Amino acid sequence: MECTVLRRALGRGACTLALVLLLVGTLAPQSATAQFRAADTTDIQDLRARKLFVRGMTQTYLEDYEEAAALLERALEAAPEGAAILSALADVEARRSNFSSALYYAREARRRAPSTAYYHLELARLHRSADQPREAVAAYRRLLERFPDNTTGRLALA
């Protein structure tokens, strides 16, 4: 992805930050930057919301979850239909061990972008992390009903 595309979408400073996050994400696949790459951010049309989203993801990576949540909540106010923002909030809340909020945000992300397998998978993983095995199995099955070739979902149910 060229920096000029990012610069147009996010602004000059955010472009540099996004490139750094993408580089770090390749080194730490479980980080917040991996979610940034995996989530479809095209639903975030508002420029202010995109900038807040990138800043929130950065704070998540830096493990400042309070600041990350505040930034992502502001992004959500600017782009209430942003599934990527909701998913990022789910991640932050899970890292803060607030699983009821994490599951709420993950359900909303899946509801707003049902054609994106990533959101189905993250909801299933959150149920598993929240020690809700029945709900996790149901979420994985729902994922596989919609995306039968999803190997991650198949392996999780095996």
N, C-alpha and C. Protein backbone atom coordinates (compact mmCIF):
# COMPACT_ATOMS: atom_id res chain seq x y z
N MET A 1 0.85 -1.17 0.00
CA MET A 1 0.00 0.00 0.00
C MET A 1 0.89 1.23 0.00
N GLU A 2 0.63 2.13 -0.92
CA GLU A 2 1.45 3.32 -1.00
C GLU A 2 1.08 4.30 0.08
N CYS A 3 2.09 5.04 0.54
CA CYS A 3 1.87 6.03 1.58
C CYS A 3 0.96 7.15 1.08
N THR A 4 0.98 7.43 -0.22
CA THR A 4 0.12 8.50 -0.73
C THR A 4 -1.34 8.16 -0.55
N VAL A 5 -1.69 6.90 -0.71
CA VAL A 5 -3.07 6.48 -0.48
C VAL A 5 -3.42 6.66 0.99
N LEU A 6 -2.54 6.21 1.87
CA LEU A 6 -2.78 6.39 3.29
C LEU A 6 -2.82 7.86 3.68
N ARG A 7 -1.93 8.66 3.10
CA ARG A 7 -1.88 10.07 3.43
C ARG A 7 -3.20 10.74 3.07
N ARG A 8 -3.74 10.39 1.90
CA ARG A 8 -5.02 10.96 1.50
C ARG A 8 -6.13 10.53 2.45
N ALA A 9 -6.11 9.27 2.87
CA ALA A 9 -7.17 8.74 3.72
C ALA A 9 -7.03 9.17 5.17
N LEU A 10 -5.81 9.25 5.66
CA LEU A 10 -5.61 9.45 7.09
C LEU A 10 -4.88 10.72 7.48
N GLY A 11 -4.19 11.35 6.56
CA GLY A 11 -3.38 12.52 6.90
C GLY A 11 -1.92 12.12 6.99
N ARG A 12 -1.02 13.11 6.88
CA ARG A 12 0.42 12.83 6.81
C ARG A 12 0.94 12.10 8.04
N GLY A 13 0.67 12.61 9.24
CA GLY A 13 1.19 11.97 10.46
C GLY A 13 0.62 10.57 10.65
N ALA A 14 -0.65 10.43 10.34
CA ALA A 14 -1.28 9.12 10.48
C ALA A 14 -0.71 8.13 9.47
N CYS A 15 -0.30 8.64 8.30
CA CYS A 15 0.31 7.76 7.29
C CYS A 15 1.57 7.11 7.84
N THR A 16 2.43 7.91 8.42
CA THR A 16 3.67 7.38 8.99
C THR A 16 3.35 6.39 10.11
N LEU A 17 2.41 6.77 10.97
CA LEU A 17 2.02 5.90 12.07
C LEU A 17 1.45 4.59 11.55
N ALA A 18 0.60 4.65 10.53
CA ALA A 18 0.01 3.43 9.99
C ALA A 18 1.08 2.51 9.40
N LEU A 19 2.06 3.08 8.72
CA LEU A 19 3.13 2.25 8.17
C LEU A 19 3.94 1.60 9.27
N VAL A 20 4.21 2.34 10.35
CA VAL A 20 4.93 1.76 11.49
C VAL A 20 4.11 0.64 12.10
N LEU A 21 2.80 0.88 12.27
CA LEU A 21 1.93 -0.15 12.84
C LEU A 21 1.90 -1.40 11.96
N LEU A 22 1.84 -1.20 10.66
CA LEU A 22 1.82 -2.36 9.77
C LEU A 22 3.13 -3.14 9.85
N LEU A 23 4.25 -2.44 9.95
CA LEU A 23 5.54 -3.10 10.09
C LEU A 23 5.61 -3.87 11.39
N VAL A 24 5.21 -3.23 12.48
CA VAL A 24 5.22 -3.89 13.78
C VAL A 24 4.26 -5.07 13.79
N GLY A 25 3.13 -4.90 13.10
CA GLY A 25 2.14 -5.98 13.03
C GLY A 25 2.68 -7.24 12.39
N THR A 26 3.60 -7.10 11.44
CA THR A 26 4.19 -8.28 10.84
C THR A 26 5.12 -8.98 11.80
N LEU A 27 5.64 -8.23 12.78
CA LEU A 27 6.53 -8.83 13.77
C LEU A 27 5.77 -9.40 14.96
N ALA A 28 4.60 -8.85 15.24
CA ALA A 28 3.79 -9.28 16.38
C ALA A 28 2.36 -9.54 15.91
N PRO A 29 2.08 -10.70 15.33
CA PRO A 29 0.79 -10.95 14.71
C PRO A 29 -0.40 -10.91 15.67
N GLN A 30 -0.20 -11.08 16.95
CA GLN A 30 -1.31 -11.03 17.88
C GLN A 30 -1.60 -9.61 18.37
N SER A 31 -0.86 -8.66 17.87
CA SER A 31 -1.02 -7.28 18.33
C SER A 31 -2.25 -6.64 17.73
N ALA A 32 -2.51 -5.43 18.21
CA ALA A 32 -3.63 -4.66 17.69
C ALA A 32 -3.44 -4.34 16.21
N THR A 33 -2.21 -4.25 15.76
CA THR A 33 -1.98 -3.93 14.36
C THR A 33 -2.40 -5.08 13.46
N ALA A 34 -2.35 -6.29 13.95
CA ALA A 34 -2.85 -7.40 13.16
C ALA A 34 -4.35 -7.23 12.94
N GLN A 35 -5.05 -6.74 13.95
CA GLN A 35 -6.47 -6.48 13.79
C GLN A 35 -6.69 -5.35 12.80
N PHE A 36 -5.84 -4.33 12.83
CA PHE A 36 -5.96 -3.22 11.89
C PHE A 36 -5.89 -3.74 10.46
N ARG A 37 -4.99 -4.68 10.20
CA ARG A 37 -4.86 -5.24 8.85
C ARG A 37 -6.03 -6.13 8.51
N ALA A 38 -6.50 -6.90 9.48
CA ALA A 38 -7.53 -7.89 9.20
C ALA A 38 -8.92 -7.27 9.06
N ALA A 39 -9.18 -6.24 9.82
CA ALA A 39 -10.50 -5.63 9.80
C ALA A 39 -10.66 -4.76 8.56
N ASP A 40 -11.85 -4.77 8.00
CA ASP A 40 -12.15 -3.94 6.84
C ASP A 40 -12.51 -2.54 7.34
N THR A 41 -11.63 -1.59 7.10
CA THR A 41 -11.86 -0.23 7.59
C THR A 41 -12.54 0.65 6.55
N THR A 42 -12.97 0.09 5.43
CA THR A 42 -13.63 0.91 4.42
C THR A 42 -14.97 1.43 4.89
N ASP A 43 -15.53 0.85 5.95
CA ASP A 43 -16.80 1.36 6.46
C ASP A 43 -16.62 2.64 7.28
N ILE A 44 -15.39 3.05 7.52
CA ILE A 44 -15.13 4.28 8.26
C ILE A 44 -14.88 5.39 7.24
N GLN A 45 -15.93 6.09 6.87
CA GLN A 45 -15.83 7.12 5.84
C GLN A 45 -15.35 8.46 6.41
N ASP A 46 -15.69 8.73 7.66
CA ASP A 46 -15.37 10.00 8.27
C ASP A 46 -13.87 10.09 8.56
N LEU A 47 -13.22 11.14 8.06
CA LEU A 47 -11.77 11.30 8.23
C LEU A 47 -11.39 11.40 9.70
N ARG A 48 -12.15 12.16 10.47
CA ARG A 48 -11.87 12.30 11.91
C ARG A 48 -11.96 10.93 12.60
N ALA A 49 -12.97 10.16 12.24
CA ALA A 49 -13.13 8.82 12.83
C ALA A 49 -11.95 7.93 12.47
N ARG A 50 -11.48 8.00 11.23
CA ARG A 50 -10.32 7.19 10.82
C ARG A 50 -9.08 7.55 11.63
N LYS A 51 -8.86 8.84 11.81
CA LYS A 51 -7.70 9.29 12.58
C LYS A 51 -7.81 8.83 14.03
N LEU A 52 -8.99 8.96 14.61
CA LEU A 52 -9.19 8.50 15.99
C LEU A 52 -9.01 6.99 16.08
N PHE A 53 -9.47 6.28 15.07
CA PHE A 53 -9.32 4.82 15.03
C PHE A 53 -7.84 4.43 15.04
N VAL A 54 -7.04 5.07 14.20
CA VAL A 54 -5.61 4.75 14.15
C VAL A 54 -4.95 5.09 15.48
N ARG A 55 -5.30 6.22 16.05
CA ARG A 55 -4.73 6.59 17.36
C ARG A 55 -5.16 5.59 18.43
N GLY A 56 -6.41 5.15 18.39
CA GLY A 56 -6.88 4.16 19.35
C GLY A 56 -6.17 2.83 19.21
N MET A 57 -5.93 2.42 17.96
CA MET A 57 -5.21 1.18 17.73
C MET A 57 -3.77 1.30 18.22
N THR A 58 -3.18 2.47 18.04
CA THR A 58 -1.82 2.69 18.51
C THR A 58 -1.76 2.57 20.03
N GLN A 59 -2.71 3.17 20.71
CA GLN A 59 -2.74 3.09 22.17
C GLN A 59 -3.00 1.66 22.63
N THR A 60 -3.78 0.91 21.88
CA THR A 60 -3.98 -0.51 22.20
C THR A 60 -2.66 -1.25 22.11
N TYR A 61 -1.92 -0.99 21.04
CA TYR A 61 -0.62 -1.64 20.88
C TYR A 61 0.32 -1.26 22.02
N LEU A 62 0.24 0.00 22.47
CA LEU A 62 1.09 0.48 23.56
C LEU A 62 0.56 0.05 24.93
N GLU A 63 -0.55 -0.69 24.93
CA GLU A 63 -1.19 -1.22 26.14
C GLU A 63 -1.72 -0.14 27.06
N ASP A 64 -2.08 1.01 26.51
CA ASP A 64 -2.78 2.06 27.26
C ASP A 64 -4.26 1.93 26.92
N TYR A 65 -4.90 0.96 27.57
CA TYR A 65 -6.25 0.59 27.21
C TYR A 65 -7.29 1.66 27.56
N GLU A 66 -7.05 2.41 28.61
CA GLU A 66 -7.97 3.50 28.97
C GLU A 66 -8.01 4.53 27.85
N GLU A 67 -6.84 4.97 27.40
CA GLU A 67 -6.76 5.96 26.32
C GLU A 67 -7.28 5.37 25.01
N ALA A 68 -6.97 4.12 24.77
CA ALA A 68 -7.45 3.46 23.55
C ALA A 68 -8.97 3.45 23.52
N ALA A 69 -9.58 3.06 24.63
CA ALA A 69 -11.05 3.01 24.69
C ALA A 69 -11.64 4.40 24.48
N ALA A 70 -11.05 5.41 25.09
CA ALA A 70 -11.56 6.78 24.94
C ALA A 70 -11.49 7.23 23.48
N LEU A 71 -10.37 6.97 22.83
CA LEU A 71 -10.21 7.36 21.43
C LEU A 71 -11.17 6.59 20.52
N LEU A 72 -11.30 5.30 20.77
CA LEU A 72 -12.18 4.48 19.93
C LEU A 72 -13.65 4.84 20.15
N GLU A 73 -14.02 5.19 21.36
CA GLU A 73 -15.39 5.63 21.61
C GLU A 73 -15.69 6.93 20.88
N ARG A 74 -14.71 7.83 20.83
CA ARG A 74 -14.89 9.08 20.06
C ARG A 74 -14.99 8.77 18.57
N ALA A 75 -14.20 7.81 18.11
CA ALA A 75 -14.29 7.40 16.70
C ALA A 75 -15.67 6.83 16.40
N LEU A 76 -16.20 6.05 17.33
CA LEU A 76 -17.52 5.45 17.14
C LEU A 76 -18.61 6.51 17.11
N GLU A 77 -18.45 7.57 17.89
CA GLU A 77 -19.41 8.67 17.84
C GLU A 77 -19.43 9.31 16.46
N ALA A 78 -18.25 9.43 15.84
CA ALA A 78 -18.15 10.05 14.52
C ALA A 78 -18.58 9.11 13.40
N ALA A 79 -18.46 7.81 13.62
CA ALA A 79 -18.83 6.81 12.61
C ALA A 79 -19.54 5.64 13.29
N PRO A 80 -20.79 5.84 13.69
CA PRO A 80 -21.50 4.83 14.50
C PRO A 80 -21.68 3.47 13.83
N GLU A 81 -21.57 3.40 12.52
CA GLU A 81 -21.74 2.12 11.83
C GLU A 81 -20.42 1.42 11.57
N GLY A 82 -19.33 1.94 12.10
CA GLY A 82 -18.00 1.39 11.83
C GLY A 82 -17.76 0.06 12.54
N ALA A 83 -17.86 -1.02 11.80
CA ALA A 83 -17.64 -2.35 12.38
C ALA A 83 -16.21 -2.52 12.86
N ALA A 84 -15.25 -1.94 12.16
CA ALA A 84 -13.85 -2.05 12.58
C ALA A 84 -13.63 -1.36 13.92
N ILE A 85 -14.30 -0.24 14.13
CA ILE A 85 -14.19 0.47 15.40
C ILE A 85 -14.80 -0.37 16.52
N LEU A 86 -15.96 -0.94 16.26
CA LEU A 86 -16.61 -1.80 17.25
C LEU A 86 -15.73 -3.00 17.60
N SER A 87 -15.12 -3.58 16.59
CA SER A 87 -14.25 -4.73 16.82
C SER A 87 -13.03 -4.33 17.65
N ALA A 88 -12.48 -3.15 17.36
CA ALA A 88 -11.33 -2.67 18.13
C ALA A 88 -11.74 -2.42 19.58
N LEU A 89 -12.93 -1.88 19.79
CA LEU A 89 -13.42 -1.68 21.16
C LEU A 89 -13.60 -3.02 21.87
N ALA A 90 -14.07 -4.02 21.14
CA ALA A 90 -14.21 -5.36 21.72
C ALA A 90 -12.85 -5.88 22.19
N ASP A 91 -11.84 -5.68 21.36
CA ASP A 91 -10.49 -6.11 21.70
C ASP A 91 -9.98 -5.40 22.96
N VAL A 92 -10.17 -4.10 23.02
CA VAL A 92 -9.72 -3.31 24.18
C VAL A 92 -10.43 -3.78 25.44
N GLU A 93 -11.74 -3.95 25.35
CA GLU A 93 -12.50 -4.39 26.54
C GLU A 93 -12.08 -5.79 26.98
N ALA A 94 -11.78 -6.66 26.04
CA ALA A 94 -11.31 -8.00 26.40
C ALA A 94 -9.96 -7.92 27.10
N ARG A 95 -9.09 -7.06 26.62
CA ARG A 95 -7.77 -6.89 27.25
C ARG A 95 -7.90 -6.32 28.66
N ARG A 96 -8.99 -5.60 28.90
CA ARG A 96 -9.26 -5.06 30.24
C ARG A 96 -10.08 -6.05 31.07
N SER A 97 -10.30 -7.26 30.54
CA SER A 97 -11.08 -8.33 31.18
C SER A 97 -12.53 -7.93 31.43
N ASN A 98 -13.04 -7.03 30.60
CA ASN A 98 -14.44 -6.64 30.67
C ASN A 98 -15.17 -7.37 29.53
N PHE A 99 -15.44 -8.65 29.78
CA PHE A 99 -15.95 -9.49 28.71
C PHE A 99 -17.39 -9.19 28.31
N SER A 100 -18.20 -8.70 29.23
CA SER A 100 -19.58 -8.38 28.83
C SER A 100 -19.58 -7.24 27.80
N SER A 101 -18.77 -6.21 28.02
CA SER A 101 -18.67 -5.12 27.03
C SER A 101 -18.00 -5.61 25.76
N ALA A 102 -16.96 -6.43 25.91
CA ALA A 102 -16.25 -6.95 24.74
C ALA A 102 -17.20 -7.74 23.85
N LEU A 103 -18.01 -8.59 24.45
CA LEU A 103 -18.96 -9.39 23.68
C LEU A 103 -20.03 -8.52 23.03
N TYR A 104 -20.47 -7.48 23.73
CA TYR A 104 -21.45 -6.56 23.14
C TYR A 104 -20.87 -5.92 21.87
N TYR A 105 -19.67 -5.37 21.97
CA TYR A 105 -19.06 -4.71 20.82
C TYR A 105 -18.80 -5.70 19.68
N ALA A 106 -18.38 -6.90 20.02
CA ALA A 106 -18.12 -7.91 18.99
C ALA A 106 -19.41 -8.32 18.28
N ARG A 107 -20.49 -8.46 19.03
CA ARG A 107 -21.79 -8.78 18.41
C ARG A 107 -22.23 -7.66 17.47
N GLU A 108 -22.05 -6.44 17.92
CA GLU A 108 -22.42 -5.30 17.09
C GLU A 108 -21.58 -5.23 15.82
N ALA A 109 -20.29 -5.50 15.93
CA ALA A 109 -19.43 -5.50 14.75
C ALA A 109 -19.91 -6.57 13.76
N ARG A 110 -20.21 -7.75 14.26
CA ARG A 110 -20.69 -8.82 13.39
C ARG A 110 -22.04 -8.46 12.77
N ARG A 111 -22.91 -7.84 13.55
CA ARG A 111 -24.23 -7.45 13.04
C ARG A 111 -24.11 -6.41 11.93
N ARG A 112 -23.16 -5.50 12.07
CA ARG A 112 -23.02 -4.42 11.08
C ARG A 112 -22.22 -4.83 9.86
N ALA A 113 -21.46 -5.91 9.97
CA ALA A 113 -20.69 -6.40 8.81
C ALA A 113 -20.78 -7.93 8.76
N PRO A 114 -21.97 -8.46 8.54
CA PRO A 114 -22.14 -9.92 8.57
C PRO A 114 -21.42 -10.66 7.46
N SER A 115 -21.01 -9.97 6.43
CA SER A 115 -20.31 -10.64 5.34
C SER A 115 -18.79 -10.68 5.54
N THR A 116 -18.34 -10.26 6.72
CA THR A 116 -16.91 -10.29 7.03
C THR A 116 -16.65 -11.40 8.05
N ALA A 117 -15.95 -12.43 7.63
CA ALA A 117 -15.69 -13.59 8.48
C ALA A 117 -14.93 -13.21 9.75
N TYR A 118 -14.06 -12.23 9.64
CA TYR A 118 -13.23 -11.81 10.77
C TYR A 118 -14.07 -11.51 12.01
N TYR A 119 -15.19 -10.81 11.84
CA TYR A 119 -16.01 -10.42 12.98
C TYR A 119 -16.72 -11.63 13.60
N HIS A 120 -17.10 -12.59 12.79
CA HIS A 120 -17.68 -13.84 13.31
C HIS A 120 -16.64 -14.59 14.14
N LEU A 121 -15.44 -14.66 13.60
CA LEU A 121 -14.36 -15.38 14.26
C LEU A 121 -13.98 -14.72 15.58
N GLU A 122 -13.88 -13.41 15.59
CA GLU A 122 -13.52 -12.71 16.83
C GLU A 122 -14.58 -12.88 17.90
N LEU A 123 -15.85 -12.90 17.53
CA LEU A 123 -16.91 -13.12 18.51
C LEU A 123 -16.77 -14.52 19.12
N ALA A 124 -16.51 -15.51 18.30
CA ALA A 124 -16.32 -16.88 18.79
C ALA A 124 -15.13 -16.95 19.74
N ARG A 125 -14.03 -16.31 19.37
CA ARG A 125 -12.84 -16.31 20.22
C ARG A 125 -13.10 -15.61 21.55
N LEU A 126 -13.86 -14.53 21.52
CA LEU A 126 -14.18 -13.83 22.76
C LEU A 126 -15.04 -14.69 23.68
N HIS A 127 -16.00 -15.42 23.10
CA HIS A 127 -16.80 -16.33 23.93
C HIS A 127 -15.89 -17.36 24.59
N ARG A 128 -14.94 -17.87 23.84
CA ARG A 128 -14.00 -18.84 24.41
C ARG A 128 -13.17 -18.20 25.52
N SER A 129 -12.67 -16.99 25.30
CA SER A 129 -11.88 -16.29 26.31
C SER A 129 -12.69 -15.96 27.55
N ALA A 130 -13.98 -15.73 27.36
CA ALA A 130 -14.86 -15.40 28.48
C ALA A 130 -15.36 -16.65 29.20
N ASP A 131 -14.80 -17.81 28.85
CA ASP A 131 -15.18 -19.10 29.44
C ASP A 131 -16.67 -19.38 29.22
N GLN A 132 -17.08 -19.21 27.98
CA GLN A 132 -18.45 -19.50 27.55
C GLN A 132 -18.39 -20.50 26.40
N PRO A 133 -18.08 -21.76 26.72
CA PRO A 133 -17.84 -22.74 25.65
C PRO A 133 -19.05 -23.00 24.76
N ARG A 134 -20.25 -23.04 25.31
CA ARG A 134 -21.43 -23.29 24.47
C ARG A 134 -21.64 -22.18 23.46
N GLU A 135 -21.51 -20.95 23.95
CA GLU A 135 -21.68 -19.80 23.07
C GLU A 135 -20.57 -19.75 22.02
N ALA A 136 -19.36 -20.15 22.41
CA ALA A 136 -18.25 -20.18 21.47
C ALA A 136 -18.52 -21.19 20.36
N VAL A 137 -18.98 -22.37 20.72
CA VAL A 137 -19.29 -23.40 19.72
C VAL A 137 -20.39 -22.90 18.79
N ALA A 138 -21.42 -22.27 19.35
CA ALA A 138 -22.51 -21.74 18.52
C ALA A 138 -22.00 -20.66 17.56
N ALA A 139 -21.10 -19.82 18.04
CA ALA A 139 -20.54 -18.76 17.19
C ALA A 139 -19.66 -19.35 16.09
N TYR A 140 -18.88 -20.37 16.42
CA TYR A 140 -18.06 -21.02 15.39
C TYR A 140 -18.96 -21.71 14.35
N ARG A 141 -20.04 -22.33 14.81
CA ARG A 141 -20.96 -22.99 13.87
C ARG A 141 -21.62 -21.96 12.96
N ARG A 142 -21.99 -20.82 13.54
CA ARG A 142 -22.59 -19.76 12.72
C ARG A 142 -21.58 -19.24 11.69
N LEU A 143 -20.33 -19.12 12.11
CA LEU A 143 -19.27 -18.73 11.19
C LEU A 143 -19.19 -19.71 10.02
N LEU A 144 -19.20 -21.01 10.35
CA LEU A 144 -19.05 -22.03 9.31
C LEU A 144 -20.29 -22.16 8.42
N GLU A 145 -21.46 -21.83 8.96
CA GLU A 145 -22.67 -21.81 8.12
C GLU A 145 -22.53 -20.75 7.03
N ARG A 146 -21.98 -19.63 7.42
CA ARG A 146 -21.83 -18.51 6.48
C ARG A 146 -20.57 -18.63 5.63
N PHE A 147 -19.51 -19.18 6.22
CA PHE A 147 -18.21 -19.30 5.54
C PHE A 147 -17.71 -20.74 5.70
N PRO A 148 -18.26 -21.68 4.94
CA PRO A 148 -17.95 -23.10 5.13
C PRO A 148 -16.47 -23.48 4.92
N ASP A 149 -15.73 -22.67 4.21
CA ASP A 149 -14.32 -22.98 3.94
C ASP A 149 -13.37 -22.34 4.95
N ASN A 150 -13.88 -21.75 6.00
CA ASN A 150 -13.03 -21.07 6.97
C ASN A 150 -12.31 -22.13 7.81
N THR A 151 -11.02 -22.28 7.55
CA THR A 151 -10.24 -23.33 8.22
C THR A 151 -10.04 -23.03 9.71
N THR A 152 -9.93 -21.79 10.08
CA THR A 152 -9.76 -21.45 11.49
C THR A 152 -10.97 -21.90 12.29
N GLY A 153 -12.15 -21.64 11.76
CA GLY A 153 -13.37 -22.08 12.43
C GLY A 153 -13.47 -23.59 12.50
N ARG A 154 -13.10 -24.25 11.42
CA ARG A 154 -13.13 -25.73 11.40
C ARG A 154 -12.17 -26.32 12.44
N LEU A 155 -10.97 -25.77 12.51
CA LEU A 155 -9.98 -26.26 13.48
C LEU A 155 -10.45 -26.02 14.91
N ALA A 156 -11.10 -24.89 15.15
CA ALA A 156 -11.57 -24.59 16.50
C ALA A 156 -12.63 -25.58 16.97
N LEU A 157 -13.42 -26.07 16.04
CA LEU A 157 -14.48 -27.04 16.39
C LEU A 157 -13.99 -28.48 16.41
N ALA A 158 -12.81 -28.72 15.89
CA ALA A 158 -12.31 -30.10 15.79
C ALA A 158 -11.99 -30.67 17.16
